[in-house]
């Protein structure tokens, strides 16, 4: 947090730096896939609009061609990064599901291990509790 002091109103502003490695333009620190690829699409559309404006103003044809090609490039980058982002999201969801299933299995195994020998059977003669697998009562010796 940064304290912005010396202001006339005495307002404090909280500044939290972005997480990750400080990548620019919303790039995720893992994989370098933009968090929001719509910027590419917007830039591509703006390049197309600019190319028409250049043609309307009588700019040389190569100038408009560069704008059109850059528009295609930015639109292509949008679709590529969108596909990568969706793939990463699916992989993260799959990994989270698998981790949850492993955790459930570990808990079930721990409960089963803890429950071994914990099931008791009551003797019909004396009423004492004995292990489930015992053949004779531990107190009176009667057959269970």
N, C-alpha and C. Protein backbone atom coordinates (compact mmCIF):
# COMPACT_ATOMS: atom_id res chain seq x y z
N UNK A 1 0.84 -1.17 0.00
CA UNK A 1 0.00 0.00 0.00
C UNK A 1 0.88 1.23 0.00
N UNK A 2 0.42 2.23 -0.69
CA UNK A 2 1.14 3.48 -0.76
C UNK A 2 0.29 4.57 -0.14
N UNK A 3 0.88 5.31 0.77
CA UNK A 3 0.18 6.40 1.41
C UNK A 3 0.50 7.66 0.62
N UNK A 4 -0.51 8.24 0.03
CA UNK A 4 -0.32 9.47 -0.73
C UNK A 4 -0.64 10.61 0.22
N UNK A 5 0.41 11.17 0.81
CA UNK A 5 0.19 12.25 1.77
C UNK A 5 0.57 13.58 1.14
N UNK A 6 0.22 14.64 1.80
CA UNK A 6 0.52 15.96 1.29
C UNK A 6 -0.58 16.49 0.39
N UNK A 7 -1.65 15.74 0.24
CA UNK A 7 -2.76 16.21 -0.58
C UNK A 7 -3.62 17.13 0.28
N UNK A 8 -4.27 18.06 -0.33
CA UNK A 8 -5.06 19.05 0.39
C UNK A 8 -6.18 18.39 1.19
N UNK A 9 -6.80 17.37 0.62
CA UNK A 9 -7.93 16.75 1.31
C UNK A 9 -7.49 15.65 2.27
N UNK A 10 -6.24 15.24 2.24
CA UNK A 10 -5.74 14.21 3.14
C UNK A 10 -6.25 12.82 2.81
N UNK A 11 -6.56 12.55 1.57
CA UNK A 11 -7.09 11.26 1.14
C UNK A 11 -5.95 10.26 1.06
N UNK A 12 -6.19 9.06 1.57
CA UNK A 12 -5.22 7.98 1.43
C UNK A 12 -5.65 7.10 0.28
N UNK A 13 -4.70 6.76 -0.57
CA UNK A 13 -4.99 5.89 -1.70
C UNK A 13 -4.25 4.59 -1.52
N UNK A 14 -4.95 3.49 -1.72
CA UNK A 14 -4.32 2.18 -1.64
C UNK A 14 -3.91 1.75 -3.04
N UNK A 15 -2.66 1.38 -3.18
CA UNK A 15 -2.18 0.89 -4.45
C UNK A 15 -1.65 -0.51 -4.24
N UNK A 16 -2.25 -1.46 -4.91
CA UNK A 16 -1.79 -2.84 -4.86
C UNK A 16 -1.24 -3.19 -6.22
N UNK A 17 0.06 -3.50 -6.31
CA UNK A 17 0.61 -3.83 -7.62
C UNK A 17 -0.02 -5.10 -8.16
N UNK A 18 -0.10 -5.22 -9.47
CA UNK A 18 -0.70 -6.42 -10.06
C UNK A 18 0.08 -7.66 -9.67
N UNK A 19 -0.64 -8.77 -9.55
CA UNK A 19 0.01 -10.02 -9.20
C UNK A 19 0.76 -10.57 -10.40
N UNK A 20 1.62 -11.53 -10.15
CA UNK A 20 2.38 -12.13 -11.24
C UNK A 20 3.74 -11.49 -11.34
N UNK A 21 4.30 -11.50 -12.52
CA UNK A 21 5.65 -11.01 -12.72
C UNK A 21 5.67 -9.61 -13.32
N UNK A 22 4.55 -8.91 -13.30
CA UNK A 22 4.52 -7.57 -13.83
C UNK A 22 4.38 -7.53 -15.33
N UNK A 23 3.77 -8.54 -15.92
CA UNK A 23 3.62 -8.58 -17.36
C UNK A 23 2.70 -7.44 -17.81
N UNK A 24 2.94 -6.96 -19.01
CA UNK A 24 2.18 -5.84 -19.55
C UNK A 24 0.97 -6.37 -20.32
N UNK A 25 -0.03 -5.55 -20.47
CA UNK A 25 -1.21 -5.82 -21.31
C UNK A 25 -1.98 -7.04 -20.85
N UNK A 26 -2.02 -7.28 -19.54
CA UNK A 26 -2.84 -8.36 -19.03
C UNK A 26 -2.29 -9.74 -19.30
N UNK A 27 -1.01 -9.86 -19.60
CA UNK A 27 -0.46 -11.18 -19.87
C UNK A 27 -0.36 -11.95 -18.57
N UNK A 28 -0.79 -13.17 -18.60
CA UNK A 28 -0.69 -14.03 -17.43
C UNK A 28 0.76 -14.43 -17.24
N UNK A 29 1.17 -14.61 -15.99
CA UNK A 29 2.56 -14.97 -15.75
C UNK A 29 2.85 -16.40 -16.20
N UNK A 30 1.84 -17.26 -16.23
CA UNK A 30 2.05 -18.63 -16.68
C UNK A 30 1.60 -18.77 -18.12
N UNK A 31 2.54 -18.97 -19.01
CA UNK A 31 2.18 -19.22 -20.40
C UNK A 31 2.11 -18.00 -21.28
N UNK A 32 1.99 -16.81 -20.72
CA UNK A 32 1.96 -15.61 -21.51
C UNK A 32 0.69 -15.42 -22.31
N UNK A 33 -0.41 -16.04 -21.91
CA UNK A 33 -1.67 -15.87 -22.61
C UNK A 33 -2.40 -14.69 -21.99
N UNK A 34 -2.85 -13.73 -22.80
CA UNK A 34 -3.54 -12.57 -22.24
C UNK A 34 -4.79 -12.98 -21.47
N UNK A 35 -5.03 -12.30 -20.36
CA UNK A 35 -6.21 -12.59 -19.55
C UNK A 35 -7.47 -12.18 -20.33
N UNK A 36 -7.39 -11.10 -21.11
CA UNK A 36 -8.54 -10.61 -21.86
C UNK A 36 -8.11 -10.37 -23.31
N UNK A 37 -8.30 -11.35 -24.19
CA UNK A 37 -7.84 -11.20 -25.57
C UNK A 37 -8.73 -10.27 -26.41
N UNK A 38 -9.78 -9.70 -25.83
CA UNK A 38 -10.65 -8.81 -26.60
C UNK A 38 -9.91 -7.57 -27.08
N UNK A 39 -8.81 -7.22 -26.44
CA UNK A 39 -8.02 -6.08 -26.88
C UNK A 39 -7.49 -6.29 -28.30
N UNK A 40 -7.11 -7.53 -28.61
CA UNK A 40 -6.65 -7.83 -29.96
C UNK A 40 -7.77 -7.63 -30.98
N UNK A 41 -8.97 -8.12 -30.63
CA UNK A 41 -10.10 -7.98 -31.54
C UNK A 41 -10.44 -6.50 -31.74
N UNK A 42 -10.47 -5.74 -30.66
CA UNK A 42 -10.78 -4.31 -30.76
C UNK A 42 -9.74 -3.60 -31.62
N UNK A 43 -8.46 -3.91 -31.41
CA UNK A 43 -7.40 -3.28 -32.20
C UNK A 43 -7.53 -3.66 -33.68
N UNK A 44 -7.85 -4.91 -33.96
CA UNK A 44 -8.03 -5.34 -35.34
C UNK A 44 -9.17 -4.61 -36.03
N UNK A 45 -10.29 -4.48 -35.32
CA UNK A 45 -11.44 -3.77 -35.89
C UNK A 45 -11.09 -2.31 -36.13
N UNK A 46 -10.37 -1.72 -35.18
CA UNK A 46 -9.96 -0.32 -35.35
C UNK A 46 -9.02 -0.17 -36.55
N UNK A 47 -8.17 -1.15 -36.79
CA UNK A 47 -7.27 -1.09 -37.95
C UNK A 47 -8.07 -1.16 -39.25
N UNK A 48 -9.12 -2.00 -39.28
CA UNK A 48 -9.98 -2.05 -40.46
C UNK A 48 -10.67 -0.71 -40.69
N UNK A 49 -11.19 -0.13 -39.63
CA UNK A 49 -11.87 1.17 -39.73
C UNK A 49 -10.88 2.22 -40.22
N UNK A 50 -9.67 2.18 -39.68
CA UNK A 50 -8.65 3.16 -40.09
C UNK A 50 -8.29 2.98 -41.56
N UNK A 51 -8.26 1.74 -42.04
CA UNK A 51 -7.93 1.53 -43.45
C UNK A 51 -8.98 2.16 -44.36
N UNK A 52 -10.25 2.06 -43.98
CA UNK A 52 -11.30 2.71 -44.77
C UNK A 52 -11.18 4.23 -44.71
N UNK A 53 -10.82 4.72 -43.54
CA UNK A 53 -10.64 6.17 -43.41
C UNK A 53 -9.47 6.63 -44.26
N UNK A 54 -8.40 5.84 -44.30
CA UNK A 54 -7.25 6.20 -45.14
C UNK A 54 -7.64 6.24 -46.61
N UNK A 55 -8.44 5.24 -47.04
CA UNK A 55 -8.88 5.20 -48.43
C UNK A 55 -9.76 6.40 -48.75
N UNK A 56 -10.64 6.77 -47.80
CA UNK A 56 -11.54 7.90 -48.02
C UNK A 56 -10.77 9.21 -48.10
N UNK A 57 -9.66 9.30 -47.40
CA UNK A 57 -8.86 10.53 -47.41
C UNK A 57 -7.91 10.58 -48.59
N UNK A 58 -7.85 9.51 -49.38
CA UNK A 58 -7.01 9.51 -50.55
C UNK A 58 -5.56 9.14 -50.27
N UNK A 59 -5.33 8.40 -49.17
CA UNK A 59 -3.97 7.95 -48.85
C UNK A 59 -3.52 6.92 -49.88
N UNK A 60 -2.22 6.73 -50.03
CA UNK A 60 -1.73 5.72 -50.97
C UNK A 60 -2.29 4.33 -50.63
N UNK A 61 -2.44 3.50 -51.65
CA UNK A 61 -3.02 2.17 -51.46
C UNK A 61 -2.22 1.29 -50.52
N UNK A 62 -0.91 1.41 -50.56
CA UNK A 62 -0.09 0.57 -49.67
C UNK A 62 -0.32 0.91 -48.21
N UNK A 63 -0.66 2.17 -47.92
CA UNK A 63 -0.92 2.60 -46.55
C UNK A 63 -2.17 1.90 -46.02
N UNK A 64 -3.21 1.87 -46.83
CA UNK A 64 -4.44 1.19 -46.44
C UNK A 64 -4.22 -0.32 -46.37
N UNK A 65 -3.39 -0.85 -47.26
CA UNK A 65 -3.12 -2.29 -47.25
C UNK A 65 -2.43 -2.71 -45.96
N UNK A 66 -1.52 -1.88 -45.48
CA UNK A 66 -0.85 -2.19 -44.21
C UNK A 66 -1.86 -2.20 -43.07
N UNK A 67 -2.78 -1.26 -43.08
CA UNK A 67 -3.81 -1.22 -42.03
C UNK A 67 -4.71 -2.45 -42.10
N UNK A 68 -5.08 -2.88 -43.29
CA UNK A 68 -5.93 -4.08 -43.45
C UNK A 68 -5.17 -5.32 -42.98
N UNK A 69 -3.91 -5.45 -43.38
CA UNK A 69 -3.13 -6.62 -42.95
C UNK A 69 -2.93 -6.65 -41.44
N UNK A 70 -2.69 -5.49 -40.86
CA UNK A 70 -2.55 -5.47 -39.39
C UNK A 70 -3.88 -5.80 -38.72
N UNK A 71 -4.99 -5.38 -39.34
CA UNK A 71 -6.31 -5.75 -38.80
C UNK A 71 -6.51 -7.25 -38.82
N UNK A 72 -6.14 -7.89 -39.93
CA UNK A 72 -6.23 -9.35 -40.01
C UNK A 72 -5.32 -10.00 -38.96
N UNK A 73 -4.13 -9.47 -38.80
CA UNK A 73 -3.18 -10.04 -37.84
C UNK A 73 -3.72 -9.95 -36.41
N UNK A 74 -4.27 -8.79 -36.05
CA UNK A 74 -4.80 -8.65 -34.69
C UNK A 74 -6.03 -9.54 -34.48
N UNK A 75 -6.88 -9.66 -35.48
CA UNK A 75 -8.04 -10.55 -35.34
C UNK A 75 -7.60 -12.01 -35.21
N UNK A 76 -6.59 -12.39 -35.97
CA UNK A 76 -6.06 -13.75 -35.85
C UNK A 76 -5.47 -13.99 -34.47
N UNK A 77 -4.76 -12.98 -33.95
CA UNK A 77 -4.19 -13.12 -32.60
C UNK A 77 -5.30 -13.26 -31.56
N UNK A 78 -6.43 -12.59 -31.77
CA UNK A 78 -7.56 -12.73 -30.86
C UNK A 78 -8.04 -14.18 -30.81
N UNK A 79 -8.25 -14.77 -31.99
CA UNK A 79 -8.77 -16.14 -32.01
C UNK A 79 -7.76 -17.14 -31.46
N UNK A 80 -6.49 -16.93 -31.71
CA UNK A 80 -5.46 -17.83 -31.19
C UNK A 80 -5.40 -17.74 -29.67
N UNK A 81 -5.35 -16.52 -29.14
CA UNK A 81 -5.26 -16.37 -27.68
C UNK A 81 -6.53 -16.79 -26.99
N UNK A 82 -7.67 -16.60 -27.63
CA UNK A 82 -8.93 -17.05 -27.03
C UNK A 82 -8.93 -18.57 -26.91
N UNK A 83 -8.47 -19.25 -27.96
CA UNK A 83 -8.39 -20.71 -27.92
C UNK A 83 -7.43 -21.19 -26.85
N UNK A 84 -6.29 -20.51 -26.72
CA UNK A 84 -5.33 -20.90 -25.68
C UNK A 84 -5.92 -20.69 -24.29
N UNK A 85 -6.59 -19.56 -24.10
CA UNK A 85 -7.18 -19.27 -22.80
C UNK A 85 -8.24 -20.31 -22.44
N UNK A 86 -9.06 -20.69 -23.41
CA UNK A 86 -10.08 -21.71 -23.15
C UNK A 86 -9.44 -23.05 -22.82
N UNK A 87 -8.37 -23.39 -23.54
CA UNK A 87 -7.68 -24.65 -23.28
C UNK A 87 -7.07 -24.65 -21.89
N UNK A 88 -6.45 -23.54 -21.49
CA UNK A 88 -5.86 -23.45 -20.15
C UNK A 88 -6.94 -23.54 -19.08
N UNK A 89 -8.09 -22.92 -19.32
CA UNK A 89 -9.18 -22.98 -18.36
C UNK A 89 -9.67 -24.42 -18.19
N UNK A 90 -9.80 -25.13 -19.30
CA UNK A 90 -10.23 -26.53 -19.24
C UNK A 90 -9.20 -27.38 -18.51
N UNK A 91 -7.91 -27.15 -18.77
CA UNK A 91 -6.86 -27.91 -18.11
C UNK A 91 -6.85 -27.64 -16.61
N UNK A 92 -7.04 -26.38 -16.23
CA UNK A 92 -7.09 -26.05 -14.80
C UNK A 92 -8.28 -26.70 -14.13
N UNK A 93 -9.44 -26.69 -14.80
CA UNK A 93 -10.64 -27.31 -14.22
C UNK A 93 -10.44 -28.82 -14.08
N UNK A 94 -9.83 -29.44 -15.10
CA UNK A 94 -9.57 -30.88 -15.04
C UNK A 94 -8.60 -31.20 -13.90
N UNK A 95 -7.55 -30.40 -13.77
CA UNK A 95 -6.57 -30.63 -12.71
C UNK A 95 -7.21 -30.45 -11.33
N UNK A 96 -8.07 -29.45 -11.19
CA UNK A 96 -8.74 -29.23 -9.91
C UNK A 96 -9.67 -30.40 -9.59
N UNK A 97 -10.37 -30.91 -10.60
CA UNK A 97 -11.27 -32.04 -10.38
C UNK A 97 -10.48 -33.28 -9.97
N UNK A 98 -9.36 -33.53 -10.67
CA UNK A 98 -8.53 -34.70 -10.33
C UNK A 98 -7.94 -34.57 -8.93
N UNK A 99 -7.52 -33.37 -8.56
CA UNK A 99 -6.99 -33.16 -7.21
C UNK A 99 -8.06 -33.39 -6.16
N UNK A 100 -9.28 -32.94 -6.45
CA UNK A 100 -10.38 -33.15 -5.52
C UNK A 100 -10.70 -34.65 -5.37
N UNK A 101 -10.68 -35.37 -6.49
CA UNK A 101 -10.95 -36.81 -6.43
C UNK A 101 -9.85 -37.54 -5.65
N UNK A 102 -8.58 -37.15 -5.87
CA UNK A 102 -7.49 -37.77 -5.10
C UNK A 102 -7.65 -37.49 -3.62
N UNK A 103 -8.04 -36.26 -3.29
CA UNK A 103 -8.24 -35.89 -1.89
C UNK A 103 -9.36 -36.71 -1.27
N UNK A 104 -10.46 -36.89 -2.02
CA UNK A 104 -11.57 -37.70 -1.52
C UNK A 104 -11.12 -39.14 -1.29
N UNK A 105 -10.33 -39.69 -2.24
CA UNK A 105 -9.83 -41.06 -2.09
C UNK A 105 -8.92 -41.19 -0.88
N UNK A 106 -8.06 -40.18 -0.66
CA UNK A 106 -7.16 -40.21 0.49
C UNK A 106 -7.95 -40.17 1.79
N UNK A 107 -8.99 -39.35 1.83
CA UNK A 107 -9.82 -39.27 3.04
C UNK A 107 -10.54 -40.60 3.26
N UNK A 108 -11.08 -41.18 2.20
CA UNK A 108 -11.78 -42.46 2.33
C UNK A 108 -10.82 -43.55 2.82
N UNK A 109 -9.60 -43.57 2.28
CA UNK A 109 -8.62 -44.56 2.73
C UNK A 109 -8.24 -44.34 4.19
N UNK A 110 -8.09 -43.08 4.59
CA UNK A 110 -7.75 -42.79 5.98
C UNK A 110 -8.87 -43.20 6.92
N UNK A 111 -10.12 -42.96 6.51
CA UNK A 111 -11.25 -43.35 7.35
C UNK A 111 -11.33 -44.87 7.46
N UNK A 112 -11.12 -45.56 6.34
CA UNK A 112 -11.15 -47.03 6.37
C UNK A 112 -10.06 -47.56 7.28
N UNK A 113 -8.87 -46.98 7.18
CA UNK A 113 -7.75 -47.42 8.02
C UNK A 113 -8.06 -47.17 9.49
N UNK A 114 -8.64 -46.02 9.76
CA UNK A 114 -8.98 -45.68 11.15
C UNK A 114 -10.07 -46.59 11.70
N UNK A 115 -10.99 -47.01 10.81
CA UNK A 115 -12.11 -47.83 11.25
C UNK A 115 -11.74 -49.30 11.42
N UNK A 116 -10.57 -49.71 10.91
CA UNK A 116 -10.18 -51.11 11.08
C UNK A 116 -10.12 -51.45 12.56
N UNK A 117 -10.79 -52.49 12.92
CA UNK A 117 -10.80 -52.93 14.31
C UNK A 117 -11.69 -52.08 15.20
N UNK A 118 -12.32 -51.07 14.68
CA UNK A 118 -13.15 -50.20 15.49
C UNK A 118 -14.57 -50.74 15.61
N UNK A 119 -14.96 -51.68 14.75
CA UNK A 119 -16.29 -52.23 14.81
C UNK A 119 -16.31 -53.31 15.91
N UNK A 120 -17.22 -53.15 16.83
CA UNK A 120 -17.31 -54.05 17.99
C UNK A 120 -18.61 -54.83 17.95
N UNK A 121 -18.54 -56.04 18.48
CA UNK A 121 -19.71 -56.92 18.56
C UNK A 121 -19.97 -57.20 20.04
N UNK A 122 -21.24 -57.11 20.44
CA UNK A 122 -21.59 -57.33 21.84
C UNK A 122 -21.81 -58.83 22.08
N UNK A 123 -21.22 -59.30 23.17
CA UNK A 123 -21.37 -60.71 23.55
C UNK A 123 -22.81 -60.97 23.99
N UNK A 124 -23.39 -62.04 23.50
CA UNK A 124 -24.78 -62.38 23.83
C UNK A 124 -24.95 -62.86 25.27
N UNK A 125 -23.87 -63.28 25.93
CA UNK A 125 -23.98 -63.82 27.29
C UNK A 125 -23.68 -62.77 28.35
N UNK A 126 -22.51 -62.10 28.19
CA UNK A 126 -22.12 -61.16 29.25
C UNK A 126 -22.31 -59.70 28.84
N UNK A 127 -22.47 -59.43 27.55
CA UNK A 127 -22.73 -58.06 27.10
C UNK A 127 -21.49 -57.22 26.85
N UNK A 128 -20.30 -57.79 26.99
CA UNK A 128 -19.08 -57.00 26.75
C UNK A 128 -18.84 -56.84 25.25
N UNK A 129 -18.08 -55.81 24.90
CA UNK A 129 -17.78 -55.53 23.50
C UNK A 129 -16.50 -56.24 23.09
N UNK A 130 -16.54 -56.86 21.90
CA UNK A 130 -15.41 -57.59 21.36
C UNK A 130 -15.16 -57.16 19.92
N UNK A 131 -13.95 -57.41 19.41
CA UNK A 131 -13.64 -57.09 18.01
C UNK A 131 -14.55 -57.88 17.09
N UNK A 132 -14.78 -57.30 15.93
CA UNK A 132 -15.69 -57.90 14.95
C UNK A 132 -15.23 -59.28 14.51
N UNK A 133 -13.93 -59.49 14.39
CA UNK A 133 -13.40 -60.75 13.87
C UNK A 133 -13.11 -61.78 14.98
N UNK A 134 -13.37 -61.41 16.21
CA UNK A 134 -13.11 -62.34 17.32
C UNK A 134 -14.12 -63.49 17.29
N UNK A 135 -13.64 -64.71 17.60
CA UNK A 135 -14.52 -65.87 17.63
C UNK A 135 -15.09 -66.13 19.02
N UNK A 136 -14.33 -65.72 20.05
CA UNK A 136 -14.77 -65.93 21.43
C UNK A 136 -14.77 -64.61 22.18
N UNK A 137 -15.60 -64.49 23.18
CA UNK A 137 -15.69 -63.29 23.98
C UNK A 137 -14.41 -63.16 24.81
N UNK A 138 -13.87 -61.96 24.89
CA UNK A 138 -12.67 -61.70 25.66
C UNK A 138 -12.91 -61.73 27.17
N UNK A 139 -14.15 -61.55 27.62
CA UNK A 139 -14.46 -61.54 29.05
C UNK A 139 -14.88 -62.91 29.58
N UNK A 140 -15.87 -63.51 28.90
CA UNK A 140 -16.40 -64.75 29.43
C UNK A 140 -15.99 -65.99 28.64
N UNK A 141 -15.43 -65.80 27.44
CA UNK A 141 -14.97 -66.93 26.63
C UNK A 141 -16.07 -67.58 25.81
N UNK A 142 -17.26 -67.04 25.82
CA UNK A 142 -18.38 -67.62 25.06
C UNK A 142 -18.14 -67.42 23.56
N UNK A 143 -18.69 -68.33 22.75
CA UNK A 143 -18.57 -68.22 21.31
C UNK A 143 -19.48 -67.08 20.83
N UNK A 144 -18.91 -66.27 19.94
CA UNK A 144 -19.69 -65.12 19.43
C UNK A 144 -20.43 -65.48 18.17
